N, C-alpha and C. Protein backbone atom coordinates (compact mmCIF):
# COMPACT_ATOMS: atom_id res chain seq x y z
N UNK A 1 -5.06 5.15 -19.18
CA UNK A 1 -3.67 5.52 -18.11
C UNK A 1 -3.73 3.72 -17.61
N UNK A 2 -4.49 3.12 -17.57
CA UNK A 2 -5.13 1.33 -16.77
C UNK A 2 -3.49 0.88 -16.86
N UNK A 3 -4.10 0.39 -18.08
CA UNK A 3 -2.64 -0.64 -18.74
C UNK A 3 -0.97 0.27 -19.24
N UNK A 4 -1.00 1.65 -19.01
CA UNK A 4 0.06 2.11 -19.10
C UNK A 4 1.24 2.01 -18.04
N UNK A 5 0.39 2.13 -17.80
CA UNK A 5 0.84 1.56 -15.76
C UNK A 5 1.49 0.38 -15.34
N UNK A 6 0.22 -0.50 -15.31
CA UNK A 6 1.07 -2.21 -15.18
C UNK A 6 1.96 -1.94 -16.51
N UNK A 7 2.15 -1.61 -17.36
CA UNK A 7 2.78 -1.98 -18.77
C UNK A 7 4.47 -1.29 -17.96
N UNK A 8 3.93 -0.17 -17.48
CA UNK A 8 5.33 1.45 -16.80
C UNK A 8 5.56 -0.74 -15.71
N UNK A 9 5.36 -1.14 -14.83
CA UNK A 9 5.46 -1.35 -13.79
C UNK A 9 5.72 -2.69 -13.85
N UNK A 10 5.33 -3.17 -15.00
CA UNK A 10 5.86 -5.04 -15.73
C UNK A 10 6.99 -4.92 -15.88
N UNK A 11 7.68 -3.41 -16.39
CA UNK A 11 8.68 -3.85 -16.87
C UNK A 11 9.84 -3.06 -16.30
N UNK A 12 9.83 -2.09 -15.14
CA UNK A 12 10.28 -1.66 -14.20
C UNK A 12 10.55 -3.64 -13.01
N UNK A 13 9.88 -3.86 -12.31
CA UNK A 13 10.03 -5.54 -11.77
C UNK A 13 11.12 -6.29 -12.68
N UNK A 14 10.57 -6.75 -13.65
CA UNK A 14 11.28 -7.76 -14.90
C UNK A 14 12.69 -7.18 -15.23
N UNK A 15 13.14 -5.99 -14.67
CA UNK A 15 14.61 -5.86 -15.69
C UNK A 15 15.24 -5.48 -14.31
N UNK A 16 14.69 -4.63 -13.15
CA UNK A 16 15.53 -3.85 -12.53
C UNK A 16 15.27 -5.08 -10.43
N UNK A 17 16.25 -5.89 -10.05
CA UNK A 17 16.73 -6.62 -8.59
C UNK A 17 15.68 -5.75 -7.56
N UNK A 18 15.16 -6.55 -6.57
CA UNK A 18 13.91 -6.25 -5.57
C UNK A 18 14.97 -5.22 -5.35
N UNK A 19 16.28 -4.58 -4.98
CA UNK A 19 17.10 -3.63 -3.75
C UNK A 19 17.80 -3.02 -4.82
N UNK A 20 16.76 -2.90 -6.11
CA UNK A 20 17.33 -1.97 -6.77
C UNK A 20 16.45 -0.81 -6.96
N UNK A 21 15.59 -0.75 -6.58
CA UNK A 21 14.79 0.38 -7.02
C UNK A 21 14.88 1.79 -5.26
N UNK A 22 14.08 2.68 -5.14
CA UNK A 22 14.86 3.76 -4.43
C UNK A 22 13.76 3.50 -3.11
N UNK A 23 12.42 2.29 -3.65
CA UNK A 23 11.39 2.65 -2.63
C UNK A 23 11.84 0.96 -1.81
N UNK A 24 12.51 0.72 -1.88
CA UNK A 24 13.39 -1.13 -1.79
C UNK A 24 13.68 -1.10 0.35
N UNK A 25 12.48 -1.31 1.28
CA UNK A 25 13.31 -1.28 2.90
C UNK A 25 14.07 -3.02 3.25
N UNK A 26 14.38 -2.92 3.71
CA UNK A 26 14.75 -4.40 4.27
C UNK A 26 13.92 -5.33 5.27
N UNK A 27 13.31 -4.11 5.86
CA UNK A 27 12.37 -4.27 6.70
C UNK A 27 11.25 -3.36 6.74
N UNK A 28 10.34 -3.14 6.47
CA UNK A 28 8.92 -2.69 6.91
C UNK A 28 8.57 -2.17 8.76
N UNK A 29 9.64 -0.88 8.92
CA UNK A 29 9.27 -1.02 10.56
C UNK A 29 7.84 0.24 10.83
N UNK A 30 7.94 0.78 10.12
CA UNK A 30 6.88 2.13 10.18
C UNK A 30 5.83 1.68 9.37
N UNK A 31 5.48 0.71 8.98
CA UNK A 31 4.20 0.29 8.25
C UNK A 31 3.56 -0.47 9.63
N UNK A 32 4.32 -1.81 10.01
CA UNK A 32 4.76 -2.60 10.96
C UNK A 32 4.15 -1.53 12.54
N UNK A 33 4.68 -0.76 12.33
CA UNK A 33 4.37 0.13 14.05
C UNK A 33 3.28 0.97 13.75
N UNK A 34 2.58 1.39 12.32
CA UNK A 34 1.61 1.91 12.22
C UNK A 34 0.19 1.03 12.85
N UNK A 35 0.42 -0.09 12.20
CA UNK A 35 -0.51 -1.43 11.87
C UNK A 35 -0.73 -1.91 13.53
N UNK A 36 0.21 -2.20 14.49
CA UNK A 36 0.13 -2.34 15.06
C UNK A 36 -0.54 -1.55 16.21
N UNK A 37 -0.34 -0.31 16.07
CA UNK A 37 -0.51 1.11 16.83
C UNK A 37 -2.29 0.84 17.07
N UNK A 38 -2.48 0.40 15.75
CA UNK A 38 -4.01 1.59 15.23
C UNK A 38 -4.82 -0.95 16.03
N UNK A 39 -3.84 -1.43 16.56
CA UNK A 39 -4.97 -2.85 17.17
C UNK A 39 -4.47 -3.91 15.79
N UNK A 40 -3.23 -4.13 15.15
CA UNK A 40 -3.86 -5.32 14.90
C UNK A 40 -3.02 -6.65 14.91
N UNK A 41 -3.71 -7.31 14.79
CA UNK A 41 -3.33 -8.91 15.93
C UNK A 41 -4.01 -9.88 14.91
N UNK A 42 -3.67 -11.02 14.99
CA UNK A 42 -2.93 -12.14 14.10
C UNK A 42 -4.22 -13.29 12.85
N UNK A 43 -5.53 -12.63 14.28
CA UNK A 43 -6.30 -13.16 13.32
C UNK A 43 -7.35 -11.98 12.47
N UNK A 44 -7.09 -10.82 12.12
CA UNK A 44 -7.54 -10.08 11.44
C UNK A 44 -6.58 -9.84 9.69
N UNK A 45 -7.54 -9.94 8.85
CA UNK A 45 -6.82 -9.73 7.08
C UNK A 45 -6.76 -8.93 7.00
N UNK A 46 -5.84 -8.82 6.30
CA UNK A 46 -5.35 -7.75 5.52
C UNK A 46 -4.64 -7.52 3.89
N UNK A 47 -4.66 -6.51 3.32
CA UNK A 47 -4.43 -6.39 2.27
C UNK A 47 -3.55 -5.27 2.12
N UNK A 48 -1.76 -5.44 1.41
CA UNK A 48 -1.62 -4.80 0.96
C UNK A 48 -1.41 -4.10 -0.82
N UNK A 49 -2.43 -2.64 -0.41
CA UNK A 49 -2.01 -2.83 -1.96
C UNK A 49 -0.36 -2.27 -2.08
N UNK A 50 -0.55 -2.63 -3.50
CA UNK A 50 0.57 -2.08 -4.72
C UNK A 50 1.71 -2.72 -3.73
N UNK A 51 1.07 -3.75 -2.91
CA UNK A 51 2.49 -4.81 -2.11
C UNK A 51 3.30 -4.34 -3.12
N UNK A 52 3.57 -5.14 -4.15
CA UNK A 52 4.91 -5.76 -5.14
C UNK A 52 5.78 -6.94 -4.28
N UNK A 53 7.44 -5.73 -4.38
CA UNK A 53 8.33 -7.40 -3.88
C UNK A 53 8.30 -6.86 -2.47
N UNK A 54 7.15 -6.03 -2.32
CA UNK A 54 7.53 -5.67 -0.25
C UNK A 54 7.97 -6.43 0.33
N UNK A 55 8.34 -6.18 1.51
CA UNK A 55 8.93 -7.27 2.56
C UNK A 55 7.61 -7.47 3.30
N UNK A 56 6.22 -6.48 3.36
CA UNK A 56 5.56 -6.67 4.59
C UNK A 56 4.34 -8.20 4.72
N UNK A 57 4.98 -8.80 4.06
CA UNK A 57 3.66 -10.64 3.28
C UNK A 57 5.00 -10.77 4.10
N UNK A 58 5.90 -11.09 3.97
CA UNK A 58 7.38 -11.78 4.64
C UNK A 58 6.43 -11.62 6.46
N UNK A 59 6.55 -10.53 6.66
CA UNK A 59 7.12 -9.84 8.13
C UNK A 59 5.06 -10.71 8.36
N UNK A 60 4.84 -10.56 8.57
CA UNK A 60 3.34 -10.31 9.01
C UNK A 60 2.44 -12.66 8.31
N UNK A 61 3.37 -12.96 7.78
CA UNK A 61 3.45 -14.27 8.22
C UNK A 61 4.33 -14.67 9.36
N UNK A 62 5.36 -13.88 9.35
CA UNK A 62 6.16 -14.51 10.57
C UNK A 62 5.54 -13.79 11.99
N UNK A 63 4.65 -13.34 11.56
CA UNK A 63 3.61 -13.36 12.59
C UNK A 63 2.66 -13.87 13.08
N UNK A 64 2.41 -14.88 12.35
CA UNK A 64 1.02 -16.15 11.36
C UNK A 64 -0.26 -15.17 11.62
N UNK A 65 0.29 -14.09 10.73
CA UNK A 65 -0.95 -13.47 10.18
C UNK A 65 -2.42 -14.73 9.26
N UNK A 66 -3.55 -14.82 10.02
CA UNK A 66 -4.42 -15.16 9.08
C UNK A 66 -4.65 -15.31 7.94
N UNK A 67 -5.05 -14.09 7.31
CA UNK A 67 -4.45 -14.20 6.06
C UNK A 67 -4.30 -12.81 5.18
N UNK A 68 -3.60 -13.01 4.65
CA UNK A 68 -3.40 -11.77 4.38
C UNK A 68 -2.99 -11.58 2.46
N UNK A 69 -3.62 -10.65 1.06
CA UNK A 69 -3.75 -10.83 0.34
C UNK A 69 -2.58 -9.06 -0.27
N UNK A 70 -1.62 -9.66 -1.19
CA UNK A 70 -0.77 -8.40 -1.95
C UNK A 70 -1.62 -8.37 -3.66
N UNK A 71 -1.46 -7.19 -3.74
CA UNK A 71 -2.34 -6.71 -4.75
C UNK A 71 -1.54 -5.55 -5.43
N UNK A 72 -1.04 -6.16 -6.36
CA UNK A 72 -0.07 -5.30 -7.15
C UNK A 72 -0.26 -5.40 -9.45
N UNK A 73 -0.43 -3.91 -9.55
CA UNK A 73 -0.41 -4.27 -11.16
C UNK A 73 0.79 -5.04 -11.92
N UNK A 74 1.62 -5.53 -11.07
CA UNK A 74 2.67 -6.15 -11.65
C UNK A 74 3.09 -7.52 -11.77
N UNK A 75 2.56 -9.00 -12.52
CA UNK A 75 3.10 -10.41 -11.25
C UNK A 75 3.70 -10.06 -11.76
N UNK A 76 5.09 -9.87 -11.84
CA UNK A 76 6.59 -10.03 -12.26
C UNK A 76 6.90 -9.44 -10.53
N UNK A 77 6.24 -8.61 -9.86
CA UNK A 77 6.70 -8.55 -8.40
C UNK A 77 6.41 -9.03 -7.62
N UNK A 78 4.84 -9.73 -7.79
CA UNK A 78 4.27 -10.42 -6.86
C UNK A 78 4.96 -11.88 -7.40
N UNK A 79 5.17 -12.13 -8.33
CA UNK A 79 6.14 -13.64 -8.38
C UNK A 79 7.17 -13.14 -7.43
N UNK A 80 7.86 -12.25 -7.24
CA UNK A 80 9.03 -11.81 -6.72
C UNK A 80 9.23 -11.91 -5.07
N UNK A 81 7.45 -11.43 -4.81
CA UNK A 81 7.64 -12.22 -2.92
C UNK A 81 7.42 -13.07 -2.82
N UNK A 82 6.20 -13.86 -4.05
CA UNK A 82 5.83 -15.58 -4.26
C UNK A 82 7.03 -15.98 -3.82
N UNK A 83 8.08 -16.16 -4.19
CA UNK A 83 8.83 -16.62 -3.91
C UNK A 83 9.63 -16.99 -3.16
N UNK A 84 9.24 -16.01 -1.97
CA UNK A 84 10.22 -15.92 -0.38
C UNK A 84 9.18 -16.56 0.93
N UNK A 85 7.80 -16.89 -0.16
CA UNK A 85 6.89 -17.51 0.95
C UNK A 85 6.02 -18.40 0.49
N UNK A 86 6.02 -19.54 1.59
CA UNK A 86 5.57 -21.20 1.69
C UNK A 86 4.66 -20.86 1.19
N UNK A 87 4.38 -22.29 -0.23
CA UNK A 87 3.61 -22.32 -0.67
C UNK A 87 2.22 -22.48 -0.38
N UNK A 88 1.75 -22.86 0.77
CA UNK A 88 0.97 -23.24 1.02
C UNK A 88 0.97 -22.07 2.65
N UNK A 89 1.13 -20.98 2.57
CA UNK A 89 0.66 -19.75 3.24
C UNK A 89 -0.64 -19.24 3.37
N UNK A 90 -1.63 -18.76 4.09
CA UNK A 90 -2.39 -17.79 3.60
C UNK A 90 -2.54 -16.71 3.14
N UNK A 91 -1.50 -16.91 1.74
CA UNK A 91 -1.41 -15.39 1.32
C UNK A 91 -1.92 -15.47 -0.20
N UNK A 92 -3.61 -14.88 -0.18
CA UNK A 92 -3.55 -14.49 -1.88
C UNK A 92 -2.85 -13.61 -2.87
N UNK A 93 -2.48 -13.38 -4.39
CA UNK A 93 -2.08 -12.31 -4.92
C UNK A 93 -2.59 -12.61 -5.55
N UNK A 94 -3.09 -10.88 -5.75
CA UNK A 94 -3.77 -10.23 -6.68
C UNK A 94 -3.60 -9.72 -7.26
N UNK A 95 -2.80 -9.74 -9.14
CA UNK A 95 -2.30 -8.85 -10.26
C UNK A 95 -4.05 -8.25 -10.65
N UNK A 96 -3.58 -6.48 -10.23
CA UNK A 96 -4.96 -5.76 -11.15
C UNK A 96 -5.04 -4.35 -10.09
N UNK A 97 -5.38 -3.51 -11.15
CA UNK A 97 -5.08 -1.91 -10.50
C UNK A 97 -6.12 -1.60 -9.74
N UNK A 98 -5.55 -1.54 -9.01
CA UNK A 98 -6.89 -0.81 -7.67
C UNK A 98 -7.45 -0.33 -7.36
N UNK A 99 -7.40 0.62 -8.99
CA UNK A 99 -9.38 1.21 -9.14
C UNK A 99 -10.00 0.18 -9.67
N UNK A 100 -9.82 -0.52 -10.33
CA UNK A 100 -10.68 -1.33 -11.09
C UNK A 100 -11.02 -2.68 -10.13
N UNK A 101 -9.88 -3.03 -9.88
CA UNK A 101 -10.21 -3.98 -8.34
C UNK A 101 -11.11 -4.23 -7.89
N UNK A 102 -11.50 -5.55 -7.58
CA UNK A 102 -13.36 -6.24 -7.33
C UNK A 102 -13.15 -6.92 -6.01
N UNK A 103 -12.76 -6.50 -4.83
CA UNK A 103 -12.57 -7.64 -3.95
C UNK A 103 -13.81 -8.50 -3.33
N UNK A 104 -13.30 -9.62 -3.09
CA UNK A 104 -13.89 -10.56 -2.91
C UNK A 104 -14.36 -11.55 -1.44
N UNK A 105 -13.86 -10.14 -0.42
CA UNK A 105 -14.15 -10.59 0.61
C UNK A 105 -13.27 -8.95 1.54
N UNK A 106 -14.01 -9.70 2.69
CA UNK A 106 -13.47 -7.23 3.34
C UNK A 106 -12.55 -7.91 4.26
N UNK A 107 -11.96 -6.24 4.68
CA UNK A 107 -10.70 -7.27 5.78
C UNK A 107 -10.84 -5.97 6.54
N UNK A 108 -10.21 -6.59 7.54
CA UNK A 108 -10.06 -5.57 8.67
C UNK A 108 -8.34 -4.52 8.82
N UNK A 109 -7.38 -4.77 7.73
CA UNK A 109 -7.01 -3.49 7.54
C UNK A 109 -6.16 -3.46 5.94
N UNK A 110 -6.31 -2.45 5.10
CA UNK A 110 -5.71 -1.78 4.44
C UNK A 110 -4.49 -1.01 4.67
N UNK A 111 -3.01 -1.80 4.09
CA UNK A 111 -2.07 -0.99 3.96
C UNK A 111 -1.75 -0.60 2.53
N UNK A 112 -1.43 0.85 2.25
CA UNK A 112 -0.39 1.08 0.90
C UNK A 112 0.29 1.58 1.08
N UNK A 113 1.34 1.63 1.05
CA UNK A 113 2.91 2.56 1.31
C UNK A 113 2.60 2.51 -0.86
N UNK A 114 2.87 4.16 -0.87
CA UNK A 114 3.53 4.30 -1.64
C UNK A 114 2.82 4.24 -3.49
N UNK A 115 1.38 3.93 -3.10
CA UNK A 115 0.52 2.95 -4.42
C UNK A 115 -0.36 4.73 -4.46
N UNK A 116 -1.28 5.17 -3.47
CA UNK A 116 -2.00 5.80 -3.87
C UNK A 116 -1.61 7.15 -4.48
N UNK A 117 0.01 7.72 -3.77
CA UNK A 117 0.31 9.03 -4.41
C UNK A 117 0.11 8.51 -6.09
N UNK A 118 0.34 7.55 -7.17
CA UNK A 118 0.05 7.37 -7.83
C UNK A 118 -0.66 8.04 -8.72
N UNK A 119 -1.74 7.90 -8.09
CA UNK A 119 -2.80 8.85 -8.61
C UNK A 119 -3.36 10.01 -8.28
N UNK A 120 -2.74 10.71 -9.77
CA UNK A 120 -3.14 12.38 -10.24
C UNK A 120 -3.73 12.93 -10.03
N UNK A 121 -4.90 12.57 -11.12
CA UNK A 121 -6.47 12.44 -11.21
C UNK A 121 -7.23 12.73 -10.10
N UNK A 122 -8.33 13.40 -10.40
CA UNK A 122 -9.50 12.63 -8.70
C UNK A 122 -10.44 12.31 -8.99
N UNK A 123 -10.18 11.88 -10.89
CA UNK A 123 -11.03 10.43 -10.53
C UNK A 123 -10.76 8.87 -10.49
N UNK A 124 -9.43 9.68 -10.44
CA UNK A 124 -8.11 7.75 -10.59
C UNK A 124 -8.85 8.08 -8.10
N UNK A 125 -8.41 9.32 -7.84
CA UNK A 125 -8.40 9.36 -6.24
C UNK A 125 -9.96 8.56 -5.79
N UNK A 126 -11.08 9.26 -6.61
CA UNK A 126 -12.57 8.33 -5.95
C UNK A 126 -13.10 7.25 -6.48
N UNK A 127 -11.70 6.53 -7.42
CA UNK A 127 -12.63 4.79 -7.89
C UNK A 127 -11.45 4.59 -6.80
N UNK A 128 -9.99 4.83 -6.69
CA UNK A 128 -10.05 4.11 -5.46
C UNK A 128 -10.49 4.31 -3.85
N UNK A 129 -11.29 5.37 -4.13
CA UNK A 129 -11.92 5.04 -1.98
C UNK A 129 -13.00 4.77 -2.62
N UNK A 130 -13.10 4.19 -3.67
CA UNK A 130 -14.31 3.14 -3.69
C UNK A 130 -14.58 1.49 -4.06
N UNK A 131 -12.71 1.46 -4.13
CA UNK A 131 -12.47 0.17 -3.56
C UNK A 131 -12.21 0.48 -2.32
N UNK A 132 -11.62 0.42 -1.59
CA UNK A 132 -11.81 0.79 -0.56
C UNK A 132 -12.65 0.48 0.51
N UNK A 133 -13.89 1.48 0.29
CA UNK A 133 -15.26 0.89 1.17
C UNK A 133 -15.84 -0.12 0.66
N UNK A 134 -15.43 -1.01 -0.21
CA UNK A 134 -16.06 -2.61 -0.57
C UNK A 134 -14.79 -2.80 0.41
N UNK A 135 -13.67 -3.08 0.36
CA UNK A 135 -12.71 -3.55 0.38
C UNK A 135 -12.97 -3.82 2.51
N UNK A 136 -13.04 -2.68 2.79
CA UNK A 136 -12.21 -2.68 4.30
C UNK A 136 -13.51 -2.62 5.14
N UNK A 137 -13.76 -3.17 6.55
CA UNK A 137 -15.21 -3.81 6.80
C UNK A 137 -15.18 -2.31 7.79
N UNK A 138 -16.28 -1.66 8.13
CA UNK A 138 -16.82 -0.51 9.27
C UNK A 138 -15.96 -0.91 10.84
N UNK A 139 -15.04 -0.37 10.70
CA UNK A 139 -14.34 -0.24 11.49
C UNK A 139 -12.97 -0.53 11.67
N UNK A 140 -12.65 -1.28 10.31
CA UNK A 140 -11.74 -1.06 9.76
C UNK A 140 -10.30 0.17 9.95
N UNK A 141 -9.17 -0.25 9.37
CA UNK A 141 -8.41 0.82 9.73
C UNK A 141 -7.10 0.81 7.91
N UNK A 142 -7.50 2.19 7.52
CA UNK A 142 -6.65 2.15 5.87
C UNK A 142 -5.17 3.08 6.78
N UNK A 143 -4.52 2.42 6.78
CA UNK A 143 -2.82 2.81 6.41
C UNK A 143 -2.32 3.59 5.16
N UNK A 144 -2.39 4.05 5.10
CA UNK A 144 -1.88 4.69 4.04
C UNK A 144 -0.38 5.87 3.45
N UNK A 145 0.32 5.30 2.88
CA UNK A 145 1.97 6.14 2.68
C UNK A 145 2.02 6.96 1.80
N UNK A 146 2.50 7.95 1.40
CA UNK A 146 3.05 8.48 0.28
C UNK A 146 3.66 9.67 0.77
N UNK A 147 4.60 10.30 -0.52
CA UNK A 147 5.83 11.05 -0.56
C UNK A 147 4.92 11.99 0.36
N UNK A 148 5.71 13.11 1.17
CA UNK A 148 5.17 13.87 1.26
C UNK A 148 5.21 15.81 0.68
N UNK A 149 4.58 16.76 1.21
CA UNK A 149 4.34 18.07 0.29
C UNK A 149 5.93 18.63 0.00
N UNK A 150 6.72 17.43 0.82
CA UNK A 150 8.35 17.50 0.60
C UNK A 150 9.36 16.74 -0.21
N UNK A 151 8.15 16.68 -0.47
CA UNK A 151 9.10 15.06 -1.18
C UNK A 151 9.14 15.35 -1.98
N UNK A 152 9.93 13.58 -3.24
CA UNK A 152 9.81 13.28 -4.42
C UNK A 152 8.54 13.88 -5.30
N UNK A 153 8.60 14.72 -6.10
CA UNK A 153 7.50 15.15 -6.89
C UNK A 153 7.20 13.69 -8.57
N UNK A 154 8.87 13.38 -8.49
CA UNK A 154 8.47 11.68 -9.07
C UNK A 154 8.62 10.65 -8.53
N UNK A 155 8.89 9.84 -9.30
CA UNK A 155 9.49 8.44 -8.79
C UNK A 155 9.06 7.67 -9.59
N UNK A 156 10.32 6.69 -10.39
CA UNK A 156 10.39 6.22 -11.19
C UNK A 156 10.18 6.45 -12.63
N UNK A 157 9.65 7.83 -12.90
CA UNK A 157 10.35 8.63 -13.57
C UNK A 157 8.50 9.07 -14.06
N UNK A 158 8.55 8.76 -13.24
CA UNK A 158 6.54 9.01 -13.03
C UNK A 158 6.10 10.23 -12.28
N UNK A 159 4.95 11.41 -12.42
CA UNK A 159 4.71 11.88 -11.66
C UNK A 159 3.32 11.36 -10.68
N UNK A 160 3.99 12.34 -8.93
CA UNK A 160 3.06 12.39 -8.23
C UNK A 160 2.37 12.98 -7.75
N UNK A 161 1.44 12.74 -6.68
CA UNK A 161 0.60 13.79 -5.80
C UNK A 161 0.92 13.87 -4.13
N UNK A 162 1.92 15.16 -4.12
CA UNK A 162 2.04 14.44 -3.23
C UNK A 162 1.32 14.93 -1.92
N UNK A 163 0.74 14.52 -0.53
CA UNK A 163 0.14 14.72 0.22
C UNK A 163 0.64 14.92 2.13
N UNK A 164 -0.75 15.24 2.94
CA UNK A 164 -0.29 14.99 4.02
C UNK A 164 -1.30 14.18 4.65
N UNK A 165 -1.86 14.58 6.01
CA UNK A 165 -2.50 13.72 6.26
C UNK A 165 -4.24 14.35 6.58
N UNK A 166 -3.80 15.20 6.08
CA UNK A 166 -5.63 16.76 6.03
C UNK A 166 -5.22 16.28 4.26
N UNK A 167 -5.07 16.41 2.92
CA UNK A 167 -5.00 16.38 1.49
C UNK A 167 -5.66 14.70 2.05
N UNK A 168 -5.11 14.21 2.28
CA UNK A 168 -5.59 12.38 2.78
C UNK A 168 -6.77 12.61 3.19
N UNK A 169 -6.97 13.20 4.34
CA UNK A 169 -8.87 12.98 5.13
C UNK A 169 -10.02 13.57 3.86
N UNK A 170 -8.87 15.15 3.00
CA UNK A 170 -10.30 15.06 2.37
C UNK A 170 -10.71 14.55 1.19
N UNK A 171 -9.24 14.11 0.59
CA UNK A 171 -9.54 12.46 -0.71
C UNK A 171 -10.59 11.55 0.15
N UNK A 172 -9.85 11.00 0.65
CA UNK A 172 -10.72 9.93 1.51
C UNK A 172 -12.58 9.92 1.88
N UNK A 173 -12.48 11.75 2.18
CA UNK A 173 -14.14 11.92 2.37
C UNK A 173 -14.43 11.45 4.28
N UNK A 174 -15.46 11.85 4.29
CA UNK A 174 -16.93 11.39 5.56
C UNK A 174 -17.18 10.45 5.99
N UNK A 175 -16.25 9.49 5.05
CA UNK A 175 -16.68 7.68 5.92
C UNK A 175 -15.09 7.47 6.46
N UNK A 176 -14.63 8.15 6.60
CA UNK A 176 -12.64 8.03 7.00
C UNK A 176 -12.83 9.36 8.49
N UNK A 177 -11.76 8.40 9.32
CA UNK A 177 -11.24 9.66 10.56
C UNK A 177 -9.80 9.16 10.98
N UNK A 178 -9.34 10.20 10.87
CA UNK A 178 -7.56 10.63 10.83
C UNK A 178 -7.61 9.41 12.46
N UNK A 179 -7.09 8.50 13.00
CA UNK A 179 -6.65 8.34 13.90
C UNK A 179 -4.91 8.42 14.08
N UNK A 180 -4.08 8.55 12.99
CA UNK A 180 -2.71 8.52 13.81
C UNK A 180 -2.06 9.17 12.14
N UNK A 181 -1.20 9.95 12.69
CA UNK A 181 -0.35 10.68 10.89
C UNK A 181 1.49 10.79 11.66
N UNK A 182 2.01 10.27 10.79
CA UNK A 182 3.30 10.62 11.62
C UNK A 182 4.60 10.46 10.07
N UNK A 183 5.71 11.36 10.01
CA UNK A 183 6.39 11.48 9.27
C UNK A 183 7.80 10.45 8.99
N UNK A 184 7.99 10.37 8.34
CA UNK A 184 9.00 8.87 7.32
C UNK A 184 9.92 9.79 6.87
N UNK A 185 11.05 9.56 6.79
CA UNK A 185 12.22 9.50 5.84
C UNK A 185 12.66 8.36 5.86
N UNK A 186 12.72 8.38 4.28
CA UNK A 186 12.81 6.87 3.60
C UNK A 186 14.58 6.72 3.30
N UNK A 187 15.30 5.88 3.74
CA UNK A 187 17.02 5.33 3.35
C UNK A 187 16.60 4.84 1.71
N UNK A 188 17.19 5.63 0.06
CA UNK A 188 17.56 4.38 -0.69
C UNK A 188 18.28 4.04 -0.27
N UNK A 189 18.26 2.76 -0.90
CA UNK A 189 19.52 2.35 -1.66
C UNK A 189 21.24 2.48 -1.60
N UNK A 190 20.89 3.98 -2.04
CA UNK A 190 22.23 4.54 -2.74
C UNK A 190 22.42 5.95 -1.80
N UNK A 191 21.16 5.51 -0.53
CA UNK A 191 21.70 6.93 -0.16
C UNK A 191 21.02 8.06 0.85
N UNK A 192 19.84 8.03 -0.60
CA UNK A 192 20.05 9.57 -0.29
C UNK A 192 18.21 9.34 0.98
N UNK A 193 17.56 10.36 0.91
CA UNK A 193 16.68 10.31 1.71
C UNK A 193 15.72 11.14 0.70
N UNK A 194 14.46 10.32 1.29
CA UNK A 194 13.18 10.19 0.30
C UNK A 194 11.71 11.18 2.37
N UNK A 195 11.34 11.84 1.99
CA UNK A 195 10.23 12.43 2.75
C UNK A 195 8.64 11.45 2.01
N UNK A 196 8.00 10.44 3.63
CA UNK A 196 6.82 9.84 3.17
C UNK A 196 6.28 10.99 4.63
N UNK A 197 5.15 10.37 4.43
CA UNK A 197 4.33 10.61 5.14
C UNK A 197 3.13 9.44 5.45
N UNK A 198 3.03 8.96 6.30
CA UNK A 198 2.22 8.06 6.65
C UNK A 198 0.87 8.71 7.69
N UNK A 199 -0.69 7.90 7.09
CA UNK A 199 -1.56 8.35 8.20
C UNK A 199 -2.23 6.81 8.28
N UNK A 200 -3.55 7.31 9.45
CA UNK A 200 -4.06 6.02 9.49
C UNK A 200 -5.59 6.66 9.46
N UNK A 201 -6.52 6.20 8.81
CA UNK A 201 -7.98 6.49 9.02
C UNK A 201 -8.88 4.76 9.79
N UNK A 202 -9.17 4.76 10.19
CA UNK A 202 -10.87 3.98 11.15
C UNK A 202 -11.53 4.39 10.07
N UNK A 203 -12.41 3.77 9.45
CA UNK A 203 -13.31 4.20 8.73
C UNK A 203 -14.84 3.75 9.60
N UNK A 204 -15.69 4.59 9.30
CA UNK A 204 -16.80 4.76 10.81
C UNK A 204 -17.67 3.79 10.76
N UNK A 205 -18.10 3.44 11.72
CA UNK A 205 -19.18 1.97 11.62
C UNK A 205 -20.41 3.17 11.01
N UNK A 206 -21.22 2.43 10.53
CA UNK A 206 -22.11 2.62 10.10
C UNK A 206 -22.62 3.81 8.88
N UNK A 207 -21.24 3.49 8.31
CA UNK A 207 -21.40 4.61 6.78
C UNK A 207 -21.45 3.89 5.76
């Protein structure tokens, strides 16, 4: 499954322009608002899961973020983003499936806009949470955006698991406490609207 996902996303980002995909946004305003609300400071380390060609890394570098890692299945997607960022910027580009990733450090913030909802099997979701626990320090915050319960049932031809804050809390388990939840209507480049939800969770200290 992981290899098939990698081939799919490599094909998408190799054949389409950055702004020719439904999830493109000029500015990641909702993500930044949630990160700020959870206490993001420039000294914090952030990992963007499924970041692809997203412009979140640009925004964080514009704020002089101390450290950013961008993880994606597609090397082509990361190369698109990399070309926009200064070569000496404190950014780590990671080609990996999040469910197989072996993080080399701890992060203060974990951001995921529309990666988790592609994990439709319980086993995949559990593997994601295992990696999240390895990567996020106790007291750190995970911001996870997915299609909402009334959002699309597929994205880029793939089925998704739609969520709200309750189902996400259930998936993440007792190590995480919900601290924020917001609905978001994303407008695609061609004008249609996709219903998202974003939920923020703090990893409980001592767990």
